[in-house]
Amino acid sequence: MGDRGLWIPSTSTDQYAATLAAWFGVNASDLAEVLPNLTQLPCPALGFMAS
């Protein structure tokens, strides 16, 4: 790619969605059903929203 560089995201959109879903009241046990890719991520929720 020459000198243009390559951007690799470090945070998944599923992590943002899991954090928001938990804030909206989705149980932690149901998050894997709503967002199946969460099982492949090291940290499923980001914790930027307080309960």
N, C-alpha and C. Protein backbone atom coordinates (compact mmCIF):
# COMPACT_ATOMS: atom_id res chain seq x y z
N MET A 1 0.81 -1.20 0.00
CA MET A 1 0.00 0.00 0.00
C MET A 1 0.85 1.27 0.00
N GLY A 2 2.12 1.11 -0.16
CA GLY A 2 2.96 2.30 -0.20
C GLY A 2 3.06 2.98 1.14
N ASP A 3 3.02 4.29 1.14
CA ASP A 3 3.15 5.06 2.38
C ASP A 3 1.81 5.51 2.96
N ARG A 4 0.71 4.93 2.50
CA ARG A 4 -0.63 5.33 2.97
C ARG A 4 -1.00 4.72 4.31
N GLY A 5 -0.35 3.65 4.69
CA GLY A 5 -0.63 3.03 5.99
C GLY A 5 -1.83 2.10 5.94
N LEU A 6 -2.09 1.45 7.06
CA LEU A 6 -3.19 0.52 7.17
C LEU A 6 -3.83 0.69 8.54
N TRP A 7 -5.11 0.94 8.55
CA TRP A 7 -5.84 1.13 9.82
C TRP A 7 -6.51 -0.18 10.21
N ILE A 8 -6.19 -0.66 11.40
CA ILE A 8 -6.81 -1.87 11.92
C ILE A 8 -7.56 -1.49 13.19
N PRO A 9 -8.89 -1.65 13.20
CA PRO A 9 -9.65 -1.27 14.39
C PRO A 9 -9.31 -2.15 15.58
N SER A 10 -9.31 -1.54 16.76
CA SER A 10 -9.02 -2.30 17.99
C SER A 10 -10.28 -2.58 18.79
N THR A 11 -11.40 -2.00 18.38
CA THR A 11 -12.66 -2.18 19.09
C THR A 11 -13.74 -2.58 18.09
N SER A 12 -14.47 -3.62 18.40
CA SER A 12 -15.52 -4.13 17.53
C SER A 12 -16.82 -3.35 17.77
N THR A 13 -17.62 -3.22 16.73
CA THR A 13 -18.93 -2.60 16.90
C THR A 13 -19.83 -3.45 17.80
N ASP A 14 -19.56 -4.76 17.85
CA ASP A 14 -20.32 -5.63 18.76
C ASP A 14 -20.04 -5.28 20.21
N GLN A 15 -18.83 -4.83 20.52
CA GLN A 15 -18.51 -4.42 21.89
C GLN A 15 -19.30 -3.17 22.27
N TYR A 16 -19.40 -2.22 21.35
CA TYR A 16 -20.23 -1.04 21.61
C TYR A 16 -21.70 -1.44 21.78
N ALA A 17 -22.18 -2.32 20.91
CA ALA A 17 -23.57 -2.76 20.97
C ALA A 17 -23.86 -3.51 22.27
N ALA A 18 -22.91 -4.34 22.72
CA ALA A 18 -23.10 -5.08 23.97
C ALA A 18 -23.17 -4.13 25.16
N THR A 19 -22.35 -3.11 25.16
CA THR A 19 -22.37 -2.12 26.24
C THR A 19 -23.69 -1.39 26.27
N LEU A 20 -24.17 -0.96 25.12
CA LEU A 20 -25.46 -0.27 25.04
C LEU A 20 -26.62 -1.19 25.38
N ALA A 21 -26.56 -2.44 24.91
CA ALA A 21 -27.63 -3.40 25.20
C ALA A 21 -27.72 -3.66 26.70
N ALA A 22 -26.59 -3.79 27.36
CA ALA A 22 -26.59 -3.99 28.81
C ALA A 22 -27.19 -2.78 29.51
N TRP A 23 -26.88 -1.60 29.03
CA TRP A 23 -27.43 -0.37 29.62
C TRP A 23 -28.94 -0.31 29.43
N PHE A 24 -29.42 -0.83 28.29
CA PHE A 24 -30.86 -0.86 28.02
C PHE A 24 -31.57 -2.00 28.75
N GLY A 25 -30.81 -2.87 29.43
CA GLY A 25 -31.44 -3.89 30.26
C GLY A 25 -31.34 -5.32 29.75
N VAL A 26 -30.61 -5.57 28.70
CA VAL A 26 -30.45 -6.95 28.22
C VAL A 26 -29.56 -7.70 29.20
N ASN A 27 -30.00 -8.87 29.63
CA ASN A 27 -29.22 -9.68 30.57
C ASN A 27 -27.93 -10.15 29.93
N ALA A 28 -26.89 -10.29 30.76
CA ALA A 28 -25.59 -10.74 30.26
C ALA A 28 -25.68 -12.11 29.62
N SER A 29 -26.55 -12.97 30.14
CA SER A 29 -26.71 -14.31 29.57
C SER A 29 -27.38 -14.27 28.19
N ASP A 30 -28.09 -13.21 27.87
CA ASP A 30 -28.77 -13.09 26.57
C ASP A 30 -27.92 -12.38 25.52
N LEU A 31 -26.83 -11.74 25.94
CA LEU A 31 -26.01 -10.99 25.00
C LEU A 31 -25.41 -11.89 23.91
N ALA A 32 -25.02 -13.09 24.25
CA ALA A 32 -24.43 -14.00 23.27
C ALA A 32 -25.45 -14.39 22.20
N GLU A 33 -26.72 -14.43 22.56
CA GLU A 33 -27.76 -14.74 21.58
C GLU A 33 -28.03 -13.54 20.68
N VAL A 34 -28.00 -12.35 21.24
CA VAL A 34 -28.25 -11.13 20.48
C VAL A 34 -27.05 -10.79 19.60
N LEU A 35 -25.84 -10.97 20.15
CA LEU A 35 -24.59 -10.64 19.45
C LEU A 35 -23.67 -11.86 19.46
N PRO A 36 -23.84 -12.78 18.51
CA PRO A 36 -23.09 -14.04 18.55
C PRO A 36 -21.58 -13.90 18.42
N ASN A 37 -21.08 -12.81 17.88
CA ASN A 37 -19.63 -12.62 17.73
C ASN A 37 -18.94 -12.28 19.04
N LEU A 38 -19.69 -12.00 20.09
CA LEU A 38 -19.09 -11.63 21.38
C LEU A 38 -18.23 -12.75 21.95
N THR A 39 -18.55 -13.98 21.64
CA THR A 39 -17.77 -15.09 22.19
C THR A 39 -16.35 -15.12 21.65
N GLN A 40 -16.08 -14.41 20.56
CA GLN A 40 -14.75 -14.39 19.97
C GLN A 40 -13.93 -13.19 20.42
N LEU A 41 -14.49 -12.32 21.23
CA LEU A 41 -13.81 -11.11 21.66
C LEU A 41 -13.29 -11.26 23.09
N PRO A 42 -12.11 -10.70 23.38
CA PRO A 42 -11.55 -10.84 24.73
C PRO A 42 -12.33 -10.07 25.79
N CYS A 43 -12.91 -8.95 25.44
CA CYS A 43 -13.68 -8.14 26.38
C CYS A 43 -15.02 -7.81 25.74
N PRO A 44 -16.10 -8.50 26.13
CA PRO A 44 -17.37 -8.32 25.45
C PRO A 44 -18.01 -6.94 25.61
N ALA A 45 -17.87 -6.33 26.76
CA ALA A 45 -18.48 -5.01 26.99
C ALA A 45 -17.38 -4.02 27.35
N LEU A 46 -17.56 -2.78 26.92
CA LEU A 46 -16.53 -1.77 27.14
C LEU A 46 -16.68 -1.04 28.45
N GLY A 47 -17.87 -1.01 29.02
CA GLY A 47 -18.07 -0.40 30.33
C GLY A 47 -18.03 1.10 30.36
N PHE A 48 -18.31 1.77 29.24
CA PHE A 48 -18.26 3.23 29.24
C PHE A 48 -19.57 3.86 29.70
N MET A 49 -20.59 3.05 29.99
CA MET A 49 -21.86 3.58 30.46
C MET A 49 -22.14 3.02 31.85
N ALA A 50 -22.53 3.88 32.77
CA ALA A 50 -22.86 3.44 34.13
C ALA A 50 -24.29 2.95 34.17
N SER A 51 -24.55 2.00 35.03
CA SER A 51 -25.90 1.43 35.14
C SER A 51 -26.85 2.39 35.80
